[in-house]
N, C-alpha and C. Protein backbone atom coordinates (compact mmCIF):
# COMPACT_ATOMS: atom_id res chain seq x y z
N MET A 1 0.79 -1.15 -0.05
CA MET A 1 0.00 0.04 -0.06
C MET A 1 0.72 1.12 -0.09
N LYS A 2 0.75 2.12 -0.66
CA LYS A 2 1.36 3.33 -1.03
C LYS A 2 0.85 4.46 0.07
N GLN A 3 1.89 5.22 0.56
CA GLN A 3 1.72 6.23 1.41
C GLN A 3 1.22 7.38 0.77
N ALA A 4 0.31 8.19 1.11
CA ALA A 4 -0.10 9.62 0.43
C ALA A 4 1.15 10.38 0.96
N VAL A 5 1.80 11.22 0.07
CA VAL A 5 2.66 12.18 0.27
C VAL A 5 2.17 13.58 0.01
N ALA A 6 2.47 14.58 0.85
CA ALA A 6 1.92 15.96 0.71
C ALA A 6 2.77 16.76 -0.50
N PRO A 7 2.23 17.50 -1.13
CA PRO A 7 2.98 18.27 -2.23
C PRO A 7 4.06 19.25 -1.55
N PRO A 8 5.25 19.43 -2.11
CA PRO A 8 6.24 20.27 -1.32
C PRO A 8 5.67 21.68 -1.61
N THR A 9 6.03 22.30 -0.63
CA THR A 9 5.81 23.78 -0.45
C THR A 9 6.88 24.79 -1.03
N ASP A 10 8.16 24.07 -1.14
CA ASP A 10 9.18 25.08 -1.80
C ASP A 10 9.98 24.06 -2.69
N GLY A 11 10.80 24.62 -3.31
CA GLY A 11 11.82 23.78 -4.27
C GLY A 11 11.22 23.78 -5.87
N PRO A 12 11.96 22.98 -6.50
CA PRO A 12 11.22 22.88 -8.06
C PRO A 12 9.89 22.40 -8.06
N ARG A 13 9.58 21.40 -7.23
CA ARG A 13 8.31 20.79 -7.48
C ARG A 13 7.18 21.79 -7.17
N ALA A 14 7.34 22.75 -6.21
CA ALA A 14 6.50 23.72 -5.82
C ALA A 14 6.25 24.67 -7.07
N ALA A 15 7.01 24.66 -7.89
CA ALA A 15 6.75 25.64 -9.14
C ALA A 15 5.64 25.39 -9.87
N VAL A 16 5.08 24.05 -9.71
CA VAL A 16 3.77 23.71 -10.58
C VAL A 16 2.66 24.76 -10.16
N ALA A 17 2.14 25.41 -11.11
CA ALA A 17 1.25 26.35 -10.96
C ALA A 17 -0.11 25.78 -11.06
N MET A 18 -0.99 25.93 -10.31
CA MET A 18 -2.44 25.54 -10.31
C MET A 18 -3.29 26.16 -11.17
N SER A 19 -4.00 25.53 -12.02
CA SER A 19 -4.93 26.10 -12.81
C SER A 19 -6.10 26.67 -12.39
N ARG A 20 -6.60 27.87 -12.73
CA ARG A 20 -7.75 28.31 -12.29
C ARG A 20 -9.22 27.50 -12.59
N ARG A 21 -9.03 26.81 -13.29
CA ARG A 21 -10.20 25.90 -13.66
C ARG A 21 -10.10 24.69 -12.86
N LYS A 22 -11.24 23.85 -12.72
CA LYS A 22 -11.05 22.50 -11.90
C LYS A 22 -11.31 21.62 -13.13
N CYS A 23 -10.83 20.45 -13.18
CA CYS A 23 -11.08 19.37 -13.98
C CYS A 23 -12.09 18.51 -13.57
N LEU A 24 -12.96 18.16 -14.47
CA LEU A 24 -14.26 17.39 -14.08
C LEU A 24 -13.76 15.81 -14.27
N ILE A 25 -13.85 15.05 -13.37
CA ILE A 25 -13.49 13.62 -13.09
C ILE A 25 -14.72 12.58 -13.15
N GLY A 26 -14.82 11.84 -14.10
CA GLY A 26 -15.92 10.69 -13.95
C GLY A 26 -17.34 11.50 -14.17
N SER A 27 -18.14 11.30 -13.50
CA SER A 27 -19.54 11.79 -13.68
C SER A 27 -19.83 13.11 -12.87
N GLY A 28 -18.76 13.79 -12.68
CA GLY A 28 -18.96 15.24 -12.29
C GLY A 28 -19.11 15.16 -10.56
N LEU A 29 -18.93 13.95 -9.83
CA LEU A 29 -18.96 14.08 -8.67
C LEU A 29 -17.75 14.57 -7.90
N ALA A 30 -16.72 14.31 -8.55
CA ALA A 30 -15.27 14.53 -7.85
C ALA A 30 -14.83 15.54 -8.86
N LEU A 31 -14.11 16.78 -7.98
CA LEU A 31 -13.43 17.61 -8.83
C LEU A 31 -11.86 17.73 -7.98
N VAL A 32 -11.09 17.78 -9.09
CA VAL A 32 -9.68 17.74 -8.64
C VAL A 32 -8.82 18.85 -9.32
N ALA A 33 -8.01 19.45 -8.74
CA ALA A 33 -7.16 20.65 -9.45
C ALA A 33 -6.33 20.15 -10.37
N CYS A 34 -6.26 20.69 -11.55
CA CYS A 34 -5.18 20.42 -12.76
C CYS A 34 -3.97 21.08 -12.30
N ALA A 35 -2.85 20.48 -12.56
CA ALA A 35 -1.60 21.29 -12.20
C ALA A 35 -0.84 21.22 -13.61
N VAL A 36 -0.44 22.41 -14.00
CA VAL A 36 0.31 22.87 -15.39
C VAL A 36 1.43 23.40 -15.10
N PRO A 37 2.52 22.70 -15.35
CA PRO A 37 3.86 23.45 -15.24
C PRO A 37 4.08 24.85 -15.92
N PRO A 38 4.65 25.65 -15.37
CA PRO A 38 4.83 27.00 -15.72
C PRO A 38 5.30 26.96 -17.20
N SER A 39 6.39 26.11 -17.42
CA SER A 39 7.23 26.04 -18.49
C SER A 39 6.37 25.73 -19.69
N ALA A 40 5.30 24.73 -19.48
CA ALA A 40 4.48 24.11 -20.44
C ALA A 40 3.52 25.32 -20.94
N ALA A 41 3.09 26.02 -19.73
CA ALA A 41 2.16 27.23 -20.09
C ALA A 41 2.83 28.32 -20.80
N ALA A 42 3.90 28.39 -20.64
CA ALA A 42 4.71 29.61 -21.31
C ALA A 42 4.95 29.22 -22.77
N ALA A 43 5.16 27.83 -22.97
CA ALA A 43 5.74 27.34 -24.25
C ALA A 43 4.45 27.36 -25.28
N SER A 44 3.34 26.93 -24.74
CA SER A 44 2.24 27.02 -25.66
C SER A 44 1.41 28.25 -25.92
N PRO A 45 1.15 28.51 -27.08
CA PRO A 45 0.59 29.77 -27.36
C PRO A 45 -0.88 29.76 -26.73
N ASP A 46 -1.45 31.09 -26.47
CA ASP A 46 -2.60 31.16 -25.70
C ASP A 46 -3.62 31.35 -26.83
N LEU A 47 -4.31 30.35 -27.05
CA LEU A 47 -5.46 30.42 -28.28
C LEU A 47 -6.60 31.32 -27.93
N ARG A 48 -6.80 31.47 -26.78
CA ARG A 48 -7.69 32.53 -26.35
C ARG A 48 -7.57 33.73 -27.02
N ASP A 49 -6.48 34.16 -27.26
CA ASP A 49 -6.07 35.46 -27.78
C ASP A 49 -5.70 35.41 -29.41
N SER A 50 -6.46 34.62 -30.22
CA SER A 50 -6.11 34.31 -31.40
C SER A 50 -6.23 35.75 -32.22
N PRO A 51 -5.52 35.84 -33.41
CA PRO A 51 -5.73 37.01 -34.25
C PRO A 51 -7.02 37.22 -34.69
N GLN A 52 -7.80 36.04 -34.99
CA GLN A 52 -9.34 36.36 -35.39
C GLN A 52 -10.12 37.04 -34.47
N LEU A 53 -9.73 36.63 -33.10
CA LEU A 53 -10.52 37.23 -31.97
C LEU A 53 -10.22 38.62 -32.03
N HIS A 54 -8.90 38.94 -32.01
CA HIS A 54 -8.65 40.45 -31.98
C HIS A 54 -9.13 41.03 -33.10
N GLU A 55 -9.22 40.73 -34.34
CA GLU A 55 -9.99 41.22 -35.61
C GLU A 55 -11.22 41.58 -35.34
N ALA A 56 -12.05 40.53 -34.82
CA ALA A 56 -13.45 40.57 -34.56
C ALA A 56 -13.84 41.51 -33.49
N LEU A 57 -12.89 41.59 -32.60
CA LEU A 57 -13.28 42.60 -31.36
C LEU A 57 -13.02 44.09 -31.86
N SER A 58 -12.00 44.09 -32.60
CA SER A 58 -11.57 45.64 -33.36
C SER A 58 -12.65 46.06 -34.23
N ARG A 59 -13.17 45.02 -34.91
CA ARG A 59 -14.34 45.61 -35.97
C ARG A 59 -15.67 45.97 -35.05
N PHE A 60 -16.00 45.27 -34.11
CA PHE A 60 -16.94 45.63 -33.23
C PHE A 60 -16.78 46.76 -32.46
N VAL A 61 -15.61 47.08 -31.99
CA VAL A 61 -15.17 48.10 -30.96
C VAL A 61 -15.19 49.46 -31.86
N GLY A 62 -14.61 49.15 -33.02
CA GLY A 62 -14.55 50.48 -33.84
C GLY A 62 -13.53 51.57 -33.25
N GLY A 63 -12.44 51.23 -32.53
CA GLY A 63 -11.64 52.46 -32.26
C GLY A 63 -11.90 53.02 -30.85
N ALA A 64 -13.11 52.55 -30.06
CA ALA A 64 -13.49 53.12 -28.86
C ALA A 64 -12.57 52.43 -27.72
N VAL A 65 -12.42 53.09 -26.61
CA VAL A 65 -11.90 52.52 -25.56
C VAL A 65 -12.83 51.38 -24.90
N VAL A 66 -12.36 50.24 -24.60
CA VAL A 66 -13.05 49.17 -24.09
C VAL A 66 -12.74 49.26 -22.53
N ARG A 67 -13.95 49.12 -21.93
CA ARG A 67 -13.92 49.31 -20.51
C ARG A 67 -14.76 47.99 -19.93
N GLU A 68 -14.25 47.77 -18.85
CA GLU A 68 -14.76 46.41 -17.99
C GLU A 68 -16.04 47.02 -17.17
N GLY A 69 -17.20 46.38 -17.19
CA GLY A 69 -18.33 46.76 -16.33
C GLY A 69 -19.67 47.17 -17.20
N ARG A 70 -20.68 47.25 -16.35
CA ARG A 70 -21.98 47.60 -17.02
C ARG A 70 -22.57 46.48 -17.76
N VAL A 71 -22.01 45.44 -17.90
CA VAL A 71 -22.37 44.38 -18.58
C VAL A 71 -22.61 43.06 -17.61
N GLU A 72 -23.85 42.53 -17.51
CA GLU A 72 -24.15 41.50 -16.78
C GLU A 72 -24.20 40.26 -17.71
N PHE A 73 -23.40 39.25 -17.30
CA PHE A 73 -23.23 38.13 -18.23
C PHE A 73 -23.57 36.97 -17.44
N ASP A 74 -24.45 36.14 -17.70
CA ASP A 74 -25.11 35.04 -17.38
C ASP A 74 -24.71 33.77 -18.18
N LEU A 75 -23.72 33.25 -17.82
CA LEU A 75 -23.13 32.02 -18.58
C LEU A 75 -22.30 31.11 -17.42
N ALA A 76 -22.95 29.81 -17.60
CA ALA A 76 -22.22 28.96 -16.51
C ALA A 76 -20.67 28.71 -16.83
N GLU A 77 -20.07 28.52 -15.64
CA GLU A 77 -18.58 28.39 -15.79
C GLU A 77 -18.16 26.97 -16.12
N LEU A 78 -19.09 26.21 -15.89
CA LEU A 78 -19.14 24.60 -16.32
C LEU A 78 -20.02 24.18 -17.11
N VAL A 79 -19.74 23.84 -18.35
CA VAL A 79 -20.74 23.40 -19.28
C VAL A 79 -20.53 22.00 -19.78
N GLU A 80 -21.79 21.20 -19.54
CA GLU A 80 -21.60 19.68 -19.99
C GLU A 80 -21.54 19.47 -21.46
N ASN A 81 -22.16 20.27 -22.14
CA ASN A 81 -22.36 20.10 -23.41
C ASN A 81 -22.10 21.29 -24.32
N GLY A 82 -21.23 21.45 -25.14
CA GLY A 82 -20.84 22.65 -25.82
C GLY A 82 -21.80 23.07 -27.05
N ASN A 83 -22.90 21.97 -27.23
CA ASN A 83 -23.67 22.29 -28.55
C ASN A 83 -24.90 23.43 -28.21
N ALA A 84 -25.20 23.42 -27.00
CA ALA A 84 -26.17 24.72 -26.79
C ALA A 84 -26.03 24.98 -25.44
N VAL A 85 -25.40 26.08 -25.31
CA VAL A 85 -24.99 26.75 -24.16
C VAL A 85 -25.93 27.99 -23.87
N PRO A 86 -26.81 28.02 -22.86
CA PRO A 86 -27.53 29.24 -22.69
C PRO A 86 -26.73 30.32 -22.06
N VAL A 87 -27.18 31.47 -22.69
CA VAL A 87 -26.53 32.82 -22.48
C VAL A 87 -27.39 33.83 -22.24
N THR A 88 -27.15 34.75 -21.16
CA THR A 88 -27.96 36.06 -21.02
C THR A 88 -27.28 37.12 -20.71
N VAL A 89 -27.19 38.17 -21.60
CA VAL A 89 -26.58 39.27 -21.39
C VAL A 89 -27.32 40.60 -21.31
N SER A 90 -27.10 41.37 -20.01
CA SER A 90 -28.08 42.56 -19.91
C SER A 90 -27.04 43.72 -19.74
N VAL A 91 -27.28 44.76 -19.90
CA VAL A 91 -26.54 46.08 -19.87
C VAL A 91 -27.29 47.12 -19.13
N ALA A 92 -26.62 47.66 -18.20
CA ALA A 92 -27.23 48.80 -17.31
C ALA A 92 -27.11 50.21 -18.24
N SER A 93 -28.35 50.28 -18.54
CA SER A 93 -28.86 51.65 -19.53
C SER A 93 -30.24 52.08 -19.44
N PRO A 94 -30.48 53.33 -19.38
CA PRO A 94 -31.84 53.81 -19.42
C PRO A 94 -32.66 53.45 -20.58
N MET A 95 -31.89 53.33 -21.63
CA MET A 95 -32.69 52.98 -23.02
C MET A 95 -33.52 54.06 -23.22
N SER A 96 -33.01 55.21 -23.34
CA SER A 96 -33.72 56.44 -23.70
C SER A 96 -33.10 56.86 -25.09
N ASP A 97 -33.92 57.89 -25.61
CA ASP A 97 -33.32 58.30 -27.00
C ASP A 97 -31.94 58.88 -27.03
N SER A 98 -31.68 59.38 -25.93
CA SER A 98 -30.14 60.07 -25.76
C SER A 98 -28.93 59.09 -25.18
N ASP A 99 -29.64 57.98 -24.52
CA ASP A 99 -28.62 56.90 -23.90
C ASP A 99 -29.21 55.55 -23.88
N HIS A 100 -28.70 54.82 -24.96
CA HIS A 100 -29.10 53.54 -25.07
C HIS A 100 -27.93 52.69 -25.66
N VAL A 101 -28.16 51.27 -25.66
CA VAL A 101 -27.23 50.26 -26.09
C VAL A 101 -27.50 50.23 -27.58
N VAL A 102 -26.47 50.26 -28.37
CA VAL A 102 -26.74 50.21 -29.83
C VAL A 102 -26.49 48.62 -30.35
N ALA A 103 -25.59 48.02 -29.63
CA ALA A 103 -25.26 46.52 -30.14
C ALA A 103 -24.77 45.75 -28.92
N ILE A 104 -25.19 44.70 -28.92
CA ILE A 104 -24.57 43.62 -27.82
C ILE A 104 -23.93 42.29 -28.73
N ALA A 105 -22.61 41.98 -28.71
CA ALA A 105 -21.89 41.05 -29.26
C ALA A 105 -21.33 39.91 -28.31
N LEU A 106 -21.25 38.67 -28.67
CA LEU A 106 -20.69 37.60 -27.97
C LEU A 106 -19.50 37.04 -28.91
N PHE A 107 -18.35 36.93 -28.33
CA PHE A 107 -17.11 36.26 -28.90
C PHE A 107 -16.48 35.08 -28.17
N ALA A 108 -16.05 34.19 -28.66
CA ALA A 108 -15.47 33.04 -28.27
C ALA A 108 -14.17 32.84 -29.02
N GLY A 109 -13.02 33.13 -28.56
CA GLY A 109 -11.91 32.95 -29.32
C GLY A 109 -11.29 31.55 -29.68
N ARG A 110 -11.88 30.44 -29.12
CA ARG A 110 -11.53 29.14 -29.57
C ARG A 110 -12.47 28.55 -30.62
N ASN A 111 -13.65 29.32 -30.89
CA ASN A 111 -14.34 28.65 -32.00
C ASN A 111 -13.78 29.01 -33.25
N PRO A 112 -14.22 28.09 -34.27
CA PRO A 112 -13.64 28.46 -35.75
C PRO A 112 -13.87 29.68 -36.13
N LEU A 113 -15.12 30.41 -35.71
CA LEU A 113 -15.57 31.77 -36.13
C LEU A 113 -15.71 32.35 -34.75
N PRO A 114 -14.70 33.45 -34.18
CA PRO A 114 -14.75 33.66 -33.01
C PRO A 114 -16.12 34.71 -32.90
N GLU A 115 -16.64 35.55 -33.91
CA GLU A 115 -17.81 36.23 -33.72
C GLU A 115 -19.12 35.27 -33.66
N VAL A 116 -19.55 35.06 -32.43
CA VAL A 116 -20.54 34.08 -32.13
C VAL A 116 -22.07 34.86 -32.61
N ALA A 117 -22.28 35.98 -31.95
CA ALA A 117 -23.56 36.41 -32.40
C ALA A 117 -23.48 38.16 -31.95
N GLU A 118 -24.34 38.91 -32.88
CA GLU A 118 -24.26 40.42 -32.55
C GLU A 118 -25.79 40.63 -32.80
N PHE A 119 -26.33 41.55 -31.70
CA PHE A 119 -27.70 41.96 -31.70
C PHE A 119 -27.66 43.32 -31.54
N LYS A 120 -28.56 43.99 -32.77
CA LYS A 120 -28.61 45.39 -32.70
C LYS A 120 -29.89 45.61 -31.80
N LEU A 121 -29.86 46.83 -31.26
CA LEU A 121 -30.94 47.33 -30.29
C LEU A 121 -31.12 48.93 -30.59
N GLY A 122 -32.08 49.48 -30.15
CA GLY A 122 -32.48 50.94 -30.19
C GLY A 122 -32.91 51.31 -28.99
N PRO A 123 -33.41 52.51 -28.91
CA PRO A 123 -34.19 52.93 -27.45
C PRO A 123 -35.48 52.46 -27.40
N ARG A 124 -36.15 52.03 -28.47
CA ARG A 124 -37.45 51.29 -28.34
C ARG A 124 -37.40 49.89 -27.80
N ALA A 125 -36.14 49.33 -27.71
CA ALA A 125 -36.07 48.11 -27.19
C ALA A 125 -36.63 47.83 -25.73
N GLY A 126 -36.71 48.88 -25.10
CA GLY A 126 -37.16 48.87 -23.56
C GLY A 126 -36.06 48.67 -22.55
N ARG A 127 -35.52 47.63 -22.63
CA ARG A 127 -34.43 47.01 -21.92
C ARG A 127 -33.17 46.41 -22.74
N ALA A 128 -32.08 46.61 -22.30
CA ALA A 128 -30.85 46.02 -23.09
C ALA A 128 -30.68 44.61 -22.58
N ARG A 129 -31.29 43.73 -22.90
CA ARG A 129 -31.19 42.26 -22.54
C ARG A 129 -31.43 41.24 -23.80
N ILE A 130 -30.39 40.31 -23.74
CA ILE A 130 -30.74 39.26 -24.86
C ILE A 130 -30.51 38.05 -24.15
N ALA A 131 -31.06 37.03 -24.77
CA ALA A 131 -31.00 35.66 -24.23
C ALA A 131 -30.85 34.68 -25.44
N THR A 132 -30.03 33.92 -25.53
CA THR A 132 -29.72 32.82 -26.52
C THR A 132 -29.10 31.62 -26.33
N ARG A 133 -28.79 30.86 -27.14
CA ARG A 133 -27.95 29.61 -26.86
C ARG A 133 -26.82 29.73 -27.87
N ILE A 134 -25.57 29.44 -27.59
CA ILE A 134 -24.41 29.53 -28.35
C ILE A 134 -23.76 28.14 -28.33
N ARG A 135 -22.85 28.06 -29.46
CA ARG A 135 -21.84 26.66 -29.41
C ARG A 135 -20.59 27.21 -28.96
N LEU A 136 -20.10 26.22 -28.24
CA LEU A 136 -18.57 26.38 -27.84
C LEU A 136 -17.66 25.19 -28.16
N SER A 137 -16.78 25.63 -29.07
CA SER A 137 -16.11 24.41 -29.46
C SER A 137 -15.14 23.59 -28.34
N THR A 138 -14.75 24.31 -27.49
CA THR A 138 -13.98 23.65 -26.32
C THR A 138 -14.09 24.58 -24.99
N SER A 139 -13.21 24.35 -24.07
CA SER A 139 -13.26 25.19 -22.85
C SER A 139 -12.22 26.43 -23.39
N GLN A 140 -12.88 27.70 -22.96
CA GLN A 140 -12.48 29.05 -23.44
C GLN A 140 -13.20 30.25 -22.74
N ARG A 141 -12.54 31.20 -23.13
CA ARG A 141 -12.94 32.59 -22.56
C ARG A 141 -14.03 33.15 -23.48
N VAL A 142 -15.13 33.41 -23.10
CA VAL A 142 -16.35 33.98 -23.70
C VAL A 142 -16.41 35.45 -23.32
N ILE A 143 -16.48 36.44 -24.45
CA ILE A 143 -16.54 37.73 -24.06
C ILE A 143 -17.82 38.17 -24.63
N ALA A 144 -18.49 39.11 -23.66
CA ALA A 144 -19.69 39.76 -24.10
C ALA A 144 -19.34 41.40 -24.37
N ALA A 145 -19.61 41.94 -25.29
CA ALA A 145 -19.33 43.41 -25.36
C ALA A 145 -20.79 44.16 -25.76
N ALA A 146 -20.90 45.37 -25.19
CA ALA A 146 -21.94 46.29 -25.51
C ALA A 146 -21.42 47.57 -25.88
N ARG A 147 -21.88 48.04 -27.23
CA ARG A 147 -21.44 49.39 -27.82
C ARG A 147 -22.86 50.31 -27.45
N LEU A 148 -22.53 51.34 -26.70
CA LEU A 148 -23.63 52.46 -26.43
C LEU A 148 -23.57 53.59 -27.37
N SER A 149 -24.58 54.30 -27.28
CA SER A 149 -24.88 55.42 -28.09
C SER A 149 -23.96 56.53 -28.03
N ASP A 150 -23.26 56.57 -26.79
CA ASP A 150 -22.41 57.60 -26.83
C ASP A 150 -20.98 57.16 -27.19
N GLY A 151 -20.71 56.00 -27.77
CA GLY A 151 -19.60 55.65 -28.27
C GLY A 151 -18.56 54.68 -27.45
N THR A 152 -19.14 54.42 -26.27
CA THR A 152 -18.24 53.81 -25.20
C THR A 152 -18.62 52.33 -25.58
N VAL A 153 -17.71 51.34 -25.29
CA VAL A 153 -17.92 49.91 -25.13
C VAL A 153 -17.42 49.34 -23.95
N TRP A 154 -18.47 48.38 -23.37
CA TRP A 154 -18.26 47.91 -22.08
C TRP A 154 -18.32 46.44 -22.35
N THR A 155 -17.40 45.68 -21.50
CA THR A 155 -17.33 44.32 -21.69
C THR A 155 -17.56 43.44 -20.40
N ARG A 156 -17.65 42.26 -20.59
CA ARG A 156 -17.53 41.17 -19.46
C ARG A 156 -16.87 39.88 -19.99
N THR A 157 -16.00 39.21 -19.14
CA THR A 157 -15.44 38.15 -19.68
C THR A 157 -15.83 37.02 -18.73
N VAL A 158 -16.09 35.74 -19.17
CA VAL A 158 -16.32 34.50 -18.29
C VAL A 158 -15.38 33.42 -19.06
N ASP A 159 -14.49 32.59 -18.16
CA ASP A 159 -13.95 31.33 -18.57
C ASP A 159 -14.80 30.28 -18.43
N VAL A 160 -15.00 29.46 -19.53
CA VAL A 160 -16.07 28.47 -19.45
C VAL A 160 -15.19 27.13 -19.66
N LEU A 161 -15.50 26.18 -18.75
CA LEU A 161 -14.98 24.82 -18.90
C LEU A 161 -16.15 23.82 -19.65
N VAL A 162 -15.80 23.54 -20.79
CA VAL A 162 -16.72 22.66 -21.48
C VAL A 162 -16.28 21.14 -21.42
N THR A 163 -17.16 20.22 -21.09
CA THR A 163 -16.72 18.96 -21.07
C THR A 163 -17.00 18.17 -22.21
N LEU A 164 -18.01 18.41 -22.93
CA LEU A 164 -18.07 17.78 -24.26
C LEU A 164 -18.12 18.90 -25.43
N ALA A 165 -17.07 18.81 -26.18
CA ALA A 165 -16.73 20.01 -27.12
C ALA A 165 -17.70 19.92 -28.36
N ALA A 166 -18.08 21.19 -29.09
CA ALA A 166 -18.95 21.24 -29.99
C ALA A 166 -18.26 21.91 -31.26
N CYS A 167 -18.83 22.20 -32.44
CA CYS A 167 -18.22 22.65 -33.54
C CYS A 167 -16.75 22.48 -33.75
N ILE A 168 -16.30 21.29 -33.80
CA ILE A 168 -15.00 20.90 -34.19
C ILE A 168 -14.73 20.75 -35.62
N GLU A 169 -13.69 21.35 -36.10
CA GLU A 169 -13.38 21.22 -37.89
C GLU A 169 -12.37 19.98 -37.79
N GLU A 170 -12.59 19.20 -38.59
CA GLU A 170 -11.85 17.92 -38.85
C GLU A 170 -11.31 17.90 -40.48
């Protein structure tokens, strides 16, 4: 019988960085932390920040300064099936003629096409809220962005762990 050994708190083995995500084991009843050596993380490119994602965000933003906040993003951080992921986005806005949300967009950098959806709104929408289902190809960062009538862009980001991937190209 092997004896359990506590992980070291200093030295080279302690350099293993803990991932922010939890890995799902078996039926989802047991969660364990996944360890990723810092050298491996630094060596592999971060696919979340693909050139296609930057290009899609740039088109939506149109040169405005991007700020974090004002966007409420309801998206589960652990998704069992990436084929139909429920998403709700709402933006704090009075939706008046002079101050309203012009567009809300969703981006997923690891999808084959990072521009997932864009919704056009106007002051007659009543409230700035959309609800839909999206496909996620794998675990990734999902970004919700809202462009307001004053030219500002507000965002919110959620890291999503997908256990069964969708929209995979072969």
